[in-house]
N, C-alpha and C. Protein backbone atom coordinates (compact mmCIF):
# COMPACT_ATOMS: atom_id res chain seq x y z
N UNK A 1 -23.28 -33.77 63.51
CA UNK A 1 -22.10 -33.98 62.81
C UNK A 1 -22.43 -34.39 61.42
N UNK A 2 -23.12 -35.10 61.00
CA UNK A 2 -23.51 -35.10 59.68
C UNK A 2 -23.76 -33.93 59.01
N UNK A 3 -24.65 -32.91 59.58
CA UNK A 3 -24.83 -31.74 58.94
C UNK A 3 -23.60 -30.94 58.78
N UNK A 4 -22.73 -31.04 59.59
CA UNK A 4 -21.31 -30.33 59.63
C UNK A 4 -20.61 -30.82 58.24
N UNK A 5 -20.55 -32.06 58.21
CA UNK A 5 -19.93 -32.73 57.06
C UNK A 5 -20.57 -32.28 55.80
N UNK A 6 -21.82 -32.25 55.76
CA UNK A 6 -22.65 -31.92 54.62
C UNK A 6 -22.37 -30.43 54.22
N UNK A 7 -22.35 -29.55 55.32
CA UNK A 7 -21.79 -28.20 54.82
C UNK A 7 -20.48 -27.98 54.21
N UNK A 8 -19.47 -28.62 54.97
CA UNK A 8 -18.07 -28.57 54.63
C UNK A 8 -18.11 -29.02 52.94
N UNK A 9 -18.82 -30.40 52.96
CA UNK A 9 -18.74 -31.01 51.39
C UNK A 9 -19.54 -29.84 50.32
N UNK A 10 -20.46 -29.34 50.82
CA UNK A 10 -21.00 -28.37 50.02
C UNK A 10 -20.16 -27.12 49.64
N UNK A 11 -19.46 -26.90 50.58
CA UNK A 11 -18.63 -25.50 50.32
C UNK A 11 -17.54 -26.10 49.46
N UNK A 12 -16.95 -27.24 49.72
CA UNK A 12 -15.70 -27.72 48.86
C UNK A 12 -16.17 -27.87 47.45
N UNK A 13 -17.40 -28.32 47.35
CA UNK A 13 -17.86 -28.53 45.69
C UNK A 13 -18.10 -27.03 45.15
N UNK A 14 -18.53 -26.09 46.10
CA UNK A 14 -18.97 -24.72 45.49
C UNK A 14 -17.55 -24.14 45.07
N UNK A 15 -16.38 -24.38 46.00
CA UNK A 15 -15.07 -23.94 45.67
C UNK A 15 -14.69 -24.54 44.41
N UNK A 16 -14.73 -25.83 44.25
CA UNK A 16 -14.13 -26.43 43.12
C UNK A 16 -14.89 -26.03 41.93
N UNK A 17 -16.05 -25.71 41.99
CA UNK A 17 -16.87 -25.22 40.74
C UNK A 17 -16.48 -24.03 40.49
N UNK A 18 -16.24 -23.00 41.52
CA UNK A 18 -15.58 -21.56 40.97
C UNK A 18 -14.44 -21.59 40.75
N UNK A 19 -13.36 -22.75 40.87
CA UNK A 19 -12.10 -22.58 40.40
C UNK A 19 -12.13 -23.29 38.98
N UNK A 20 -13.02 -24.02 38.82
CA UNK A 20 -13.16 -24.67 37.28
C UNK A 20 -13.58 -23.49 36.53
N UNK A 21 -14.57 -22.85 36.83
CA UNK A 21 -15.17 -21.85 35.89
C UNK A 21 -14.11 -20.76 35.82
N UNK A 22 -13.23 -20.40 36.75
CA UNK A 22 -12.52 -19.28 36.70
C UNK A 22 -11.27 -19.80 35.70
N UNK A 23 -10.89 -20.92 35.74
CA UNK A 23 -9.86 -21.62 35.03
C UNK A 23 -10.18 -21.56 33.48
N UNK A 24 -11.42 -22.16 33.20
CA UNK A 24 -12.01 -22.13 31.80
C UNK A 24 -12.06 -20.62 31.17
N UNK A 25 -12.51 -19.63 32.06
CA UNK A 25 -12.80 -18.42 31.56
C UNK A 25 -11.43 -17.82 31.10
N UNK A 26 -10.56 -17.99 31.99
CA UNK A 26 -8.99 -17.53 31.68
C UNK A 26 -8.47 -17.96 30.45
N UNK A 27 -8.77 -19.43 30.35
CA UNK A 27 -8.11 -20.13 29.07
C UNK A 27 -8.90 -19.33 27.89
N UNK A 28 -10.26 -19.23 27.87
CA UNK A 28 -11.03 -18.61 26.81
C UNK A 28 -10.59 -17.44 26.64
N UNK A 29 -10.28 -16.40 27.56
CA UNK A 29 -9.79 -15.19 27.48
C UNK A 29 -8.38 -15.12 26.85
N UNK A 30 -7.54 -15.99 27.19
CA UNK A 30 -6.38 -16.12 26.56
C UNK A 30 -6.34 -16.58 25.19
N UNK A 31 -7.17 -17.52 24.85
CA UNK A 31 -7.40 -17.75 23.52
C UNK A 31 -7.95 -16.71 22.60
N UNK A 32 -8.81 -15.94 23.21
CA UNK A 32 -9.41 -14.68 22.41
C UNK A 32 -8.42 -13.70 22.15
N UNK A 33 -7.28 -13.42 23.13
CA UNK A 33 -6.26 -12.53 22.95
C UNK A 33 -5.43 -12.98 21.77
N UNK A 34 -5.03 -14.32 22.07
CA UNK A 34 -4.11 -14.89 20.97
C UNK A 34 -4.64 -14.71 19.70
N UNK A 35 -5.97 -14.95 19.49
CA UNK A 35 -6.72 -14.83 18.19
C UNK A 35 -6.41 -13.41 17.53
N UNK A 36 -6.72 -12.55 18.66
CA UNK A 36 -6.60 -11.14 18.14
C UNK A 36 -5.26 -10.72 17.56
N UNK A 37 -4.27 -11.20 18.54
CA UNK A 37 -2.95 -10.94 18.08
C UNK A 37 -2.45 -11.38 16.85
N UNK A 38 -2.93 -12.79 16.59
CA UNK A 38 -2.61 -13.56 15.18
C UNK A 38 -3.27 -12.67 14.16
N UNK A 39 -4.41 -12.26 14.39
CA UNK A 39 -5.34 -11.38 13.47
C UNK A 39 -4.56 -10.13 13.05
N UNK A 40 -3.82 -9.43 13.85
CA UNK A 40 -3.15 -8.32 13.67
C UNK A 40 -1.82 -8.54 12.93
N UNK A 41 -1.23 -9.73 13.15
CA UNK A 41 0.01 -10.17 12.59
C UNK A 41 -0.25 -10.50 11.17
N UNK A 42 -1.32 -11.33 11.02
CA UNK A 42 -1.76 -11.87 9.54
C UNK A 42 -2.12 -10.58 8.63
N UNK A 43 -2.79 -9.52 9.28
CA UNK A 43 -3.12 -8.38 8.50
C UNK A 43 -1.97 -7.83 7.90
N UNK A 44 -0.75 -7.37 8.84
CA UNK A 44 0.38 -6.89 8.49
C UNK A 44 1.17 -7.74 7.54
N UNK A 45 1.20 -8.95 7.65
CA UNK A 45 1.98 -10.02 6.77
C UNK A 45 1.29 -9.76 5.36
N UNK A 46 -0.19 -9.87 5.30
CA UNK A 46 -0.68 -9.71 4.16
C UNK A 46 -0.24 -8.37 3.32
N UNK A 47 -0.24 -7.29 3.92
CA UNK A 47 -0.01 -5.88 3.49
C UNK A 47 1.53 -6.03 2.99
N UNK A 48 2.42 -6.52 3.91
CA UNK A 48 3.84 -6.83 3.50
C UNK A 48 3.99 -7.59 2.18
N UNK A 49 3.28 -8.69 1.99
CA UNK A 49 3.38 -9.49 0.84
C UNK A 49 2.90 -8.57 -0.47
N UNK A 50 2.18 -7.62 -0.18
CA UNK A 50 1.74 -6.68 -1.53
C UNK A 50 2.74 -5.68 -1.76
N UNK A 51 3.57 -5.56 -0.81
CA UNK A 51 4.47 -4.27 -1.03
C UNK A 51 5.68 -4.98 -1.85
N UNK A 52 6.25 -3.99 -2.74
CA UNK A 52 7.50 -4.19 -3.47
C UNK A 52 8.76 -3.92 -2.55
N UNK A 53 9.79 -4.87 -2.79
CA UNK A 53 10.95 -4.49 -2.12
C UNK A 53 11.08 -4.53 -0.75
N UNK A 54 9.92 -5.33 -0.16
CA UNK A 54 9.83 -5.10 1.36
C UNK A 54 10.48 -6.07 2.21
N UNK A 55 11.07 -7.24 1.61
CA UNK A 55 11.94 -8.29 2.21
C UNK A 55 12.91 -7.76 3.30
N UNK A 56 13.71 -7.09 2.52
CA UNK A 56 15.14 -6.47 3.25
C UNK A 56 14.60 -5.84 4.53
N UNK A 57 13.82 -4.81 4.26
CA UNK A 57 13.38 -3.85 5.46
C UNK A 57 12.43 -4.67 6.39
N UNK A 58 11.45 -5.39 6.12
CA UNK A 58 10.52 -6.14 6.88
C UNK A 58 10.97 -7.55 7.06
N UNK A 59 12.30 -8.01 6.92
CA UNK A 59 12.50 -9.49 7.49
C UNK A 59 12.13 -9.89 8.60
N UNK A 60 11.95 -9.07 9.74
CA UNK A 60 11.44 -9.49 11.15
C UNK A 60 9.96 -9.69 11.03
N UNK A 61 9.19 -9.31 9.97
CA UNK A 61 7.83 -9.50 9.83
C UNK A 61 7.45 -11.01 9.35
N UNK A 62 7.46 -11.86 10.44
CA UNK A 62 7.28 -13.24 9.92
C UNK A 62 6.75 -14.12 11.04
N UNK A 63 6.07 -15.09 10.65
CA UNK A 63 5.52 -16.10 11.71
C UNK A 63 6.29 -17.29 11.62
N UNK A 64 6.32 -18.09 12.78
CA UNK A 64 5.76 -17.79 13.99
C UNK A 64 6.46 -16.76 14.78
N UNK A 65 5.55 -16.11 15.62
CA UNK A 65 6.29 -15.27 16.50
C UNK A 65 5.72 -15.54 17.98
N UNK A 66 6.13 -15.17 18.98
CA UNK A 66 5.71 -15.45 20.47
C UNK A 66 4.28 -15.03 20.39
N UNK A 67 3.57 -15.98 20.88
CA UNK A 67 2.01 -15.73 21.06
C UNK A 67 1.41 -15.13 20.00
N UNK A 68 2.10 -15.19 18.71
CA UNK A 68 1.45 -14.69 17.44
C UNK A 68 1.40 -13.14 17.40
N UNK A 69 2.25 -12.60 18.33
CA UNK A 69 2.46 -11.35 18.50
C UNK A 69 3.42 -10.56 17.57
N UNK A 70 3.28 -9.37 16.95
CA UNK A 70 4.13 -8.78 16.12
C UNK A 70 4.87 -7.57 16.60
N UNK A 71 4.92 -7.64 18.07
CA UNK A 71 5.42 -6.67 18.87
C UNK A 71 6.84 -6.28 18.80
N UNK A 72 7.68 -7.23 18.09
CA UNK A 72 9.22 -7.17 18.01
C UNK A 72 9.51 -6.77 16.65
N UNK A 73 8.59 -6.67 15.89
CA UNK A 73 8.73 -6.38 14.37
C UNK A 73 9.05 -4.95 14.21
N UNK A 74 10.13 -4.90 13.16
CA UNK A 74 10.59 -3.45 12.73
C UNK A 74 9.42 -2.50 12.44
N UNK A 75 9.31 -1.45 13.24
CA UNK A 75 8.47 -0.29 13.03
C UNK A 75 7.14 -0.51 13.75
N UNK A 76 7.04 -1.53 14.64
CA UNK A 76 5.60 -1.65 15.48
C UNK A 76 6.04 -1.66 16.70
N UNK A 77 5.12 -0.78 17.37
CA UNK A 77 4.96 -0.66 18.67
C UNK A 77 3.61 -1.13 19.25
N UNK A 78 3.59 -1.83 20.59
CA UNK A 78 2.40 -2.51 21.06
C UNK A 78 2.20 -1.79 22.36
N UNK A 79 0.88 -1.79 22.74
CA UNK A 79 0.43 -1.30 24.08
C UNK A 79 0.70 -2.30 25.25
N UNK A 80 0.24 -2.00 26.20
CA UNK A 80 0.64 -3.08 27.53
C UNK A 80 -0.14 -4.31 27.36
N UNK A 81 -1.08 -4.47 26.60
CA UNK A 81 -1.83 -5.74 26.30
C UNK A 81 -1.25 -6.31 25.23
N UNK A 82 -0.04 -5.89 24.61
CA UNK A 82 0.57 -6.61 23.53
C UNK A 82 -0.25 -6.46 22.04
N UNK A 83 -0.85 -5.35 21.95
CA UNK A 83 -1.66 -5.07 20.84
C UNK A 83 -0.86 -3.75 19.88
N UNK A 84 -1.01 -3.94 18.61
CA UNK A 84 -0.37 -2.92 17.78
C UNK A 84 -1.00 -1.57 18.14
N UNK A 85 -0.27 -0.46 18.63
CA UNK A 85 -0.71 0.72 18.72
C UNK A 85 -0.07 1.77 17.94
N UNK A 86 1.10 1.35 17.30
CA UNK A 86 1.85 2.34 16.38
C UNK A 86 2.61 1.62 15.21
N UNK A 87 2.61 2.03 14.08
CA UNK A 87 3.27 1.59 12.97
C UNK A 87 3.95 2.90 12.51
N UNK A 88 5.29 2.70 12.53
CA UNK A 88 6.36 3.91 12.04
C UNK A 88 7.24 3.30 10.95
N UNK A 89 6.84 3.57 9.74
CA UNK A 89 7.65 3.15 8.62
C UNK A 89 8.03 4.21 7.81
N UNK A 90 8.36 5.49 8.33
CA UNK A 90 8.61 6.69 7.86
C UNK A 90 9.96 6.51 7.10
N UNK A 91 10.06 6.97 5.83
CA UNK A 91 11.46 7.07 4.94
C UNK A 91 12.00 5.69 4.75
N UNK A 92 11.18 4.65 4.50
CA UNK A 92 11.62 3.20 4.31
C UNK A 92 11.72 2.70 2.84
N UNK A 93 11.77 3.53 2.13
CA UNK A 93 11.49 3.21 0.33
C UNK A 93 10.59 2.05 0.16
N UNK A 94 9.48 2.30 0.68
CA UNK A 94 8.38 1.28 0.43
C UNK A 94 7.52 1.70 -0.67
N UNK A 95 7.27 0.80 -1.53
CA UNK A 95 6.65 0.83 -2.88
C UNK A 95 5.22 -0.13 -2.68
N UNK A 96 4.09 0.27 -3.08
CA UNK A 96 2.86 -0.31 -2.76
C UNK A 96 1.74 0.61 -2.53
N UNK A 97 0.65 -0.15 -2.10
CA UNK A 97 -0.57 0.60 -1.84
C UNK A 97 -0.95 0.30 -0.54
N UNK A 98 -1.90 0.91 0.08
CA UNK A 98 -2.43 0.92 1.35
C UNK A 98 -3.68 0.11 1.37
N UNK A 99 -4.30 -0.09 0.17
CA UNK A 99 -5.31 -1.06 0.26
C UNK A 99 -5.37 -2.20 0.97
N UNK A 100 -4.29 -2.97 0.76
CA UNK A 100 -4.22 -4.47 1.46
C UNK A 100 -4.12 -4.43 2.85
N UNK A 101 -3.87 -3.33 3.40
CA UNK A 101 -3.79 -3.24 4.90
C UNK A 101 -5.19 -3.14 5.58
N UNK A 102 -5.62 -4.22 6.33
CA UNK A 102 -6.73 -4.28 6.83
C UNK A 102 -6.73 -3.61 8.00
N UNK A 103 -7.19 -2.09 8.17
CA UNK A 103 -7.10 -1.32 9.32
C UNK A 103 -8.36 -1.81 10.43
N UNK A 104 -9.26 -2.49 9.90
CA UNK A 104 -10.09 -3.20 10.99
C UNK A 104 -9.58 -4.32 11.78
N UNK A 105 -8.45 -4.78 11.36
CA UNK A 105 -7.76 -5.91 12.30
C UNK A 105 -6.74 -5.18 13.21
N UNK A 106 -6.68 -3.84 12.98
CA UNK A 106 -5.76 -3.05 14.12
C UNK A 106 -6.54 -2.08 14.95
N UNK A 107 -7.49 -2.49 15.64
CA UNK A 107 -8.37 -1.83 16.35
C UNK A 107 -7.80 -0.84 17.19
N UNK A 108 -6.50 -1.04 17.67
CA UNK A 108 -5.95 -0.20 18.92
C UNK A 108 -4.91 0.72 18.24
N UNK A 109 -4.70 0.86 17.02
CA UNK A 109 -3.87 1.64 16.43
C UNK A 109 -4.05 3.13 16.78
N UNK A 110 -2.98 3.82 17.24
CA UNK A 110 -3.25 5.33 17.48
C UNK A 110 -2.29 6.20 16.81
N UNK A 111 -1.35 5.69 15.99
CA UNK A 111 -0.25 6.41 15.42
C UNK A 111 0.14 5.66 14.14
N UNK A 112 0.06 6.22 13.18
CA UNK A 112 0.50 5.61 11.86
C UNK A 112 1.19 6.61 10.96
N UNK A 113 2.66 6.32 10.76
CA UNK A 113 3.51 7.15 10.17
C UNK A 113 4.06 6.36 8.92
N UNK A 114 3.49 6.65 7.66
CA UNK A 114 4.04 6.06 6.62
C UNK A 114 4.48 7.09 5.53
N UNK A 115 5.07 8.15 6.15
CA UNK A 115 5.44 9.52 5.41
C UNK A 115 6.85 9.09 4.53
N UNK A 116 7.12 9.89 3.64
CA UNK A 116 8.38 9.86 2.75
C UNK A 116 8.65 8.32 2.32
N UNK A 117 7.74 7.84 1.60
CA UNK A 117 7.90 6.48 0.86
C UNK A 117 7.32 6.82 -0.46
N UNK A 118 7.16 5.63 -1.22
CA UNK A 118 6.55 5.76 -2.39
C UNK A 118 5.24 5.08 -2.61
N UNK A 119 4.36 5.18 -1.59
CA UNK A 119 2.99 4.48 -1.59
C UNK A 119 2.09 5.32 -2.53
N UNK A 120 1.38 4.50 -3.33
CA UNK A 120 0.60 5.17 -4.58
C UNK A 120 -0.90 4.47 -4.21
N UNK A 121 -1.82 4.85 -5.22
CA UNK A 121 -3.23 4.61 -5.14
C UNK A 121 -3.90 5.54 -4.24
N UNK A 122 -5.22 5.07 -3.88
CA UNK A 122 -6.05 5.82 -3.17
C UNK A 122 -5.76 5.79 -1.50
N UNK A 123 -6.23 6.74 -0.84
CA UNK A 123 -6.02 6.49 0.55
C UNK A 123 -7.49 5.70 0.75
N UNK A 124 -7.29 4.49 1.35
CA UNK A 124 -8.56 3.61 1.35
C UNK A 124 -9.68 4.06 2.18
N UNK A 125 -10.87 3.84 2.16
CA UNK A 125 -12.12 4.27 2.68
C UNK A 125 -11.91 3.55 4.21
N UNK A 126 -11.38 2.39 4.20
CA UNK A 126 -11.46 1.47 5.43
C UNK A 126 -10.35 2.10 6.65
N UNK A 127 -9.70 3.03 6.03
CA UNK A 127 -8.94 3.84 7.08
C UNK A 127 -9.87 4.40 8.33
N UNK A 128 -11.12 4.72 8.01
CA UNK A 128 -11.87 5.22 8.95
C UNK A 128 -12.31 4.07 10.14
N UNK A 129 -11.81 2.98 9.98
CA UNK A 129 -12.22 1.82 10.84
C UNK A 129 -11.15 1.93 11.99
N UNK A 130 -10.16 2.84 11.97
CA UNK A 130 -8.92 2.88 12.94
C UNK A 130 -9.47 4.16 13.90
N UNK A 131 -10.66 4.00 14.65
CA UNK A 131 -11.31 5.07 15.35
C UNK A 131 -10.33 5.63 16.25
N UNK A 132 -9.18 4.89 16.71
CA UNK A 132 -8.51 5.60 17.80
C UNK A 132 -7.37 6.35 17.44
N UNK A 133 -7.22 6.59 16.11
CA UNK A 133 -6.02 7.24 15.50
C UNK A 133 -6.01 8.64 16.00
N UNK A 134 -4.80 9.09 16.40
CA UNK A 134 -4.54 10.33 16.99
C UNK A 134 -3.56 11.02 16.12
N UNK A 135 -2.87 10.07 15.22
CA UNK A 135 -1.86 10.78 14.49
C UNK A 135 -1.77 9.94 13.14
N UNK A 136 -1.78 10.66 12.10
CA UNK A 136 -1.85 9.96 10.71
C UNK A 136 -0.93 10.75 9.92
N UNK A 137 0.30 10.22 9.34
CA UNK A 137 1.22 10.99 8.49
C UNK A 137 1.19 10.18 7.16
N UNK A 138 0.78 10.48 5.93
CA UNK A 138 0.81 9.84 5.01
C UNK A 138 1.54 10.82 4.00
N UNK A 139 2.12 11.79 4.25
CA UNK A 139 2.77 12.90 3.40
C UNK A 139 4.00 12.44 2.67
N UNK A 140 4.30 13.03 1.47
CA UNK A 140 5.41 12.59 0.72
C UNK A 140 5.36 11.32 0.29
N UNK A 141 4.31 10.87 -0.31
CA UNK A 141 3.92 9.80 -1.06
C UNK A 141 3.56 9.95 -2.43
N UNK A 142 2.95 9.00 -3.09
CA UNK A 142 2.43 9.12 -4.40
C UNK A 142 0.90 8.66 -4.45
N UNK A 143 0.28 9.25 -3.43
CA UNK A 143 -1.08 8.83 -3.30
C UNK A 143 -2.00 9.84 -4.35
N UNK A 144 -3.11 9.10 -4.77
CA UNK A 144 -3.99 9.95 -5.60
C UNK A 144 -5.31 9.76 -5.28
N UNK A 145 -6.27 10.28 -5.95
CA UNK A 145 -7.67 10.16 -5.83
C UNK A 145 -8.16 11.14 -4.85
N UNK A 146 -9.40 10.86 -4.65
CA UNK A 146 -10.10 11.85 -3.54
C UNK A 146 -9.84 11.34 -2.23
N UNK A 147 -10.18 12.35 -1.15
CA UNK A 147 -10.09 11.93 0.23
C UNK A 147 -11.25 11.13 0.51
N UNK A 148 -11.16 10.08 1.19
CA UNK A 148 -12.38 9.11 1.51
C UNK A 148 -13.10 10.02 2.81
N UNK A 149 -14.32 9.96 2.51
CA UNK A 149 -15.36 10.58 3.44
C UNK A 149 -15.16 9.90 5.10
N UNK A 150 -14.72 8.53 4.90
CA UNK A 150 -14.44 8.00 6.28
C UNK A 150 -13.40 8.76 7.00
N UNK A 151 -12.81 9.37 6.57
CA UNK A 151 -11.83 10.16 7.62
C UNK A 151 -12.60 11.12 8.62
N UNK A 152 -13.80 11.33 8.43
CA UNK A 152 -14.47 12.04 9.45
C UNK A 152 -14.81 11.11 10.63
N UNK A 153 -14.55 9.77 10.41
CA UNK A 153 -14.82 8.78 11.57
C UNK A 153 -13.71 8.91 12.54
N UNK A 154 -12.48 9.63 12.25
CA UNK A 154 -11.30 9.59 13.10
C UNK A 154 -11.51 10.82 13.95
N UNK A 155 -12.30 10.73 14.76
CA UNK A 155 -12.59 11.96 15.74
C UNK A 155 -11.72 12.17 16.79
N UNK A 156 -10.91 11.39 17.05
CA UNK A 156 -9.67 11.67 18.02
C UNK A 156 -8.44 12.31 17.29
N UNK A 157 -8.41 12.33 15.91
CA UNK A 157 -7.32 12.90 15.26
C UNK A 157 -6.69 14.05 15.65
N UNK A 158 -5.34 14.25 15.97
CA UNK A 158 -5.05 15.85 16.10
C UNK A 158 -3.79 15.89 15.20
N UNK A 159 -3.37 14.98 14.54
CA UNK A 159 -2.47 15.42 13.33
C UNK A 159 -2.79 14.39 12.30
N UNK A 160 -3.10 15.22 11.11
CA UNK A 160 -3.31 14.37 9.84
C UNK A 160 -2.50 15.20 8.77
N UNK A 161 -1.44 14.57 8.19
CA UNK A 161 -0.59 15.30 7.12
C UNK A 161 -0.94 14.41 6.06
N UNK A 162 -1.37 14.87 4.99
CA UNK A 162 -1.50 14.31 3.52
C UNK A 162 -0.86 15.03 2.51
N UNK A 163 0.05 15.96 2.94
CA UNK A 163 0.58 17.02 2.10
C UNK A 163 1.60 16.30 1.00
N UNK A 164 2.00 16.81 -0.03
CA UNK A 164 3.04 16.45 -1.02
C UNK A 164 2.51 14.91 -1.46
N UNK A 165 1.38 14.72 -2.16
CA UNK A 165 0.88 13.66 -2.79
C UNK A 165 0.43 14.25 -3.98
N UNK A 166 -0.24 13.40 -4.77
CA UNK A 166 -1.10 13.94 -5.87
C UNK A 166 -2.44 13.62 -6.07
N UNK A 167 -2.94 14.08 -4.84
CA UNK A 167 -4.58 13.93 -4.55
C UNK A 167 -5.31 14.94 -5.65
N UNK A 168 -6.29 14.31 -5.93
CA UNK A 168 -7.41 15.23 -6.87
C UNK A 168 -7.71 16.46 -6.43
N UNK A 169 -8.19 17.40 -7.32
CA UNK A 169 -8.64 18.53 -6.77
C UNK A 169 -9.85 18.10 -6.08
N UNK A 170 -9.94 18.78 -4.89
CA UNK A 170 -10.91 18.25 -3.91
C UNK A 170 -12.27 19.43 -3.88
N UNK A 171 -12.35 20.04 -4.90
CA UNK A 171 -13.57 21.10 -5.03
C UNK A 171 -14.59 20.25 -5.02
N UNK A 172 -15.78 20.51 -4.15
CA UNK A 172 -17.05 19.88 -4.16
C UNK A 172 -16.97 18.45 -3.30
N UNK A 173 -15.75 18.25 -2.72
CA UNK A 173 -15.70 16.99 -1.80
C UNK A 173 -16.39 17.30 -0.49
N UNK A 174 -17.49 16.55 -0.26
CA UNK A 174 -18.18 16.67 0.78
C UNK A 174 -17.45 16.85 2.39
N UNK A 175 -16.27 16.21 2.08
CA UNK A 175 -15.58 16.12 3.44
C UNK A 175 -14.94 17.61 3.73
N UNK A 176 -14.65 18.20 2.72
CA UNK A 176 -14.15 19.78 2.86
C UNK A 176 -15.39 20.68 3.34
N UNK A 177 -16.76 20.07 3.15
CA UNK A 177 -17.66 21.07 3.57
C UNK A 177 -17.95 20.64 4.97
N UNK A 178 -17.45 19.80 5.68
CA UNK A 178 -17.55 19.50 7.06
C UNK A 178 -16.53 20.58 7.79
N UNK A 179 -16.81 21.81 7.89
CA UNK A 179 -15.84 22.75 8.46
C UNK A 179 -15.06 22.45 9.58
N UNK A 180 -16.11 22.09 10.58
CA UNK A 180 -15.36 21.87 11.86
C UNK A 180 -14.13 20.80 11.79
N UNK A 181 -14.45 19.74 11.05
CA UNK A 181 -13.37 18.74 10.74
C UNK A 181 -12.15 19.19 10.12
N UNK A 182 -12.40 19.85 8.95
CA UNK A 182 -11.33 20.16 8.20
C UNK A 182 -10.50 21.56 8.91
N UNK A 183 -11.20 22.25 9.76
CA UNK A 183 -10.48 23.36 10.50
C UNK A 183 -9.71 22.39 11.41
N UNK A 184 -9.97 21.63 12.18
CA UNK A 184 -9.15 20.92 13.04
C UNK A 184 -7.97 20.15 12.30
N UNK A 185 -8.28 19.62 11.22
CA UNK A 185 -7.15 18.91 10.39
C UNK A 185 -6.23 20.03 9.80
N UNK A 186 -6.66 21.24 9.50
CA UNK A 186 -5.75 22.07 8.74
C UNK A 186 -4.95 22.87 9.90
N UNK A 187 -5.40 23.09 11.07
CA UNK A 187 -4.65 23.62 11.93
C UNK A 187 -3.72 22.68 12.88
N UNK A 188 -3.85 21.42 12.55
CA UNK A 188 -2.84 20.44 13.11
C UNK A 188 -1.90 19.69 12.12
N UNK A 189 -2.18 19.94 10.82
CA UNK A 189 -1.31 19.46 9.84
C UNK A 189 0.23 19.83 10.01
N UNK A 190 1.06 18.95 10.04
CA UNK A 190 2.39 19.07 10.08
C UNK A 190 2.98 19.98 8.85
N UNK A 191 2.52 19.46 7.56
CA UNK A 191 2.88 20.22 6.39
C UNK A 191 1.70 20.47 5.79
N UNK A 192 1.33 21.84 5.76
CA UNK A 192 0.19 22.29 5.10
C UNK A 192 -0.15 21.82 3.62
N UNK A 193 -1.14 21.28 3.22
CA UNK A 193 -1.42 20.93 2.05
C UNK A 193 -2.37 22.06 1.45
N UNK A 194 -2.67 21.94 0.08
CA UNK A 194 -3.55 22.85 -0.59
C UNK A 194 -5.00 22.82 -0.20
N UNK A 195 -5.33 21.90 0.54
CA UNK A 195 -6.66 21.79 1.27
C UNK A 195 -6.97 22.73 2.12
N UNK A 196 -5.91 23.03 2.71
CA UNK A 196 -6.13 24.13 3.88
C UNK A 196 -6.25 25.54 3.52
N UNK A 197 -6.01 25.83 2.19
CA UNK A 197 -6.15 27.25 1.77
C UNK A 197 -7.44 27.58 1.27
N UNK A 198 -8.44 27.11 1.85
CA UNK A 198 -10.05 27.49 1.31
C UNK A 198 -10.64 28.62 2.07
């Protein structure tokens, strides 16, 4: 009888320990997810703060948000886990630069459409941190400078449109020497730029 009680007691203790460890790991996982969502929101808010005349268009971009998530913000679409997967701010009269946008804080981004705006400056090299991008449209802006070599990190890209900008002459750019990459880019570009005529 005493050994049965001891066995039942041991089973109850084991079950209690298992329940507690599951509960704590769930809280840690939830805290981690909340941190990631806040990181995304903060990256987007920092970029918004650098843009001119963005308040009227992006008035929904503000904290606090539900769980720190920007999923209900203008131009933002999230995946099933509540993480930013698309930014579509095409034709929004945005003035500013891409440099302040932390692409490394948006690791699940698959689609970025900032076409038909007035974005200026370089295409930042950190854009290569968005390894899951399959669609990137920066056409019809005022971007300048050379194409960053980090674009070759976008191995999943199927649409890359950088046409109608004031990008530098790309002669001698090692990116253009990466024939397979540029063939893929040029055959899938929505609006062919002069880079595809080599």
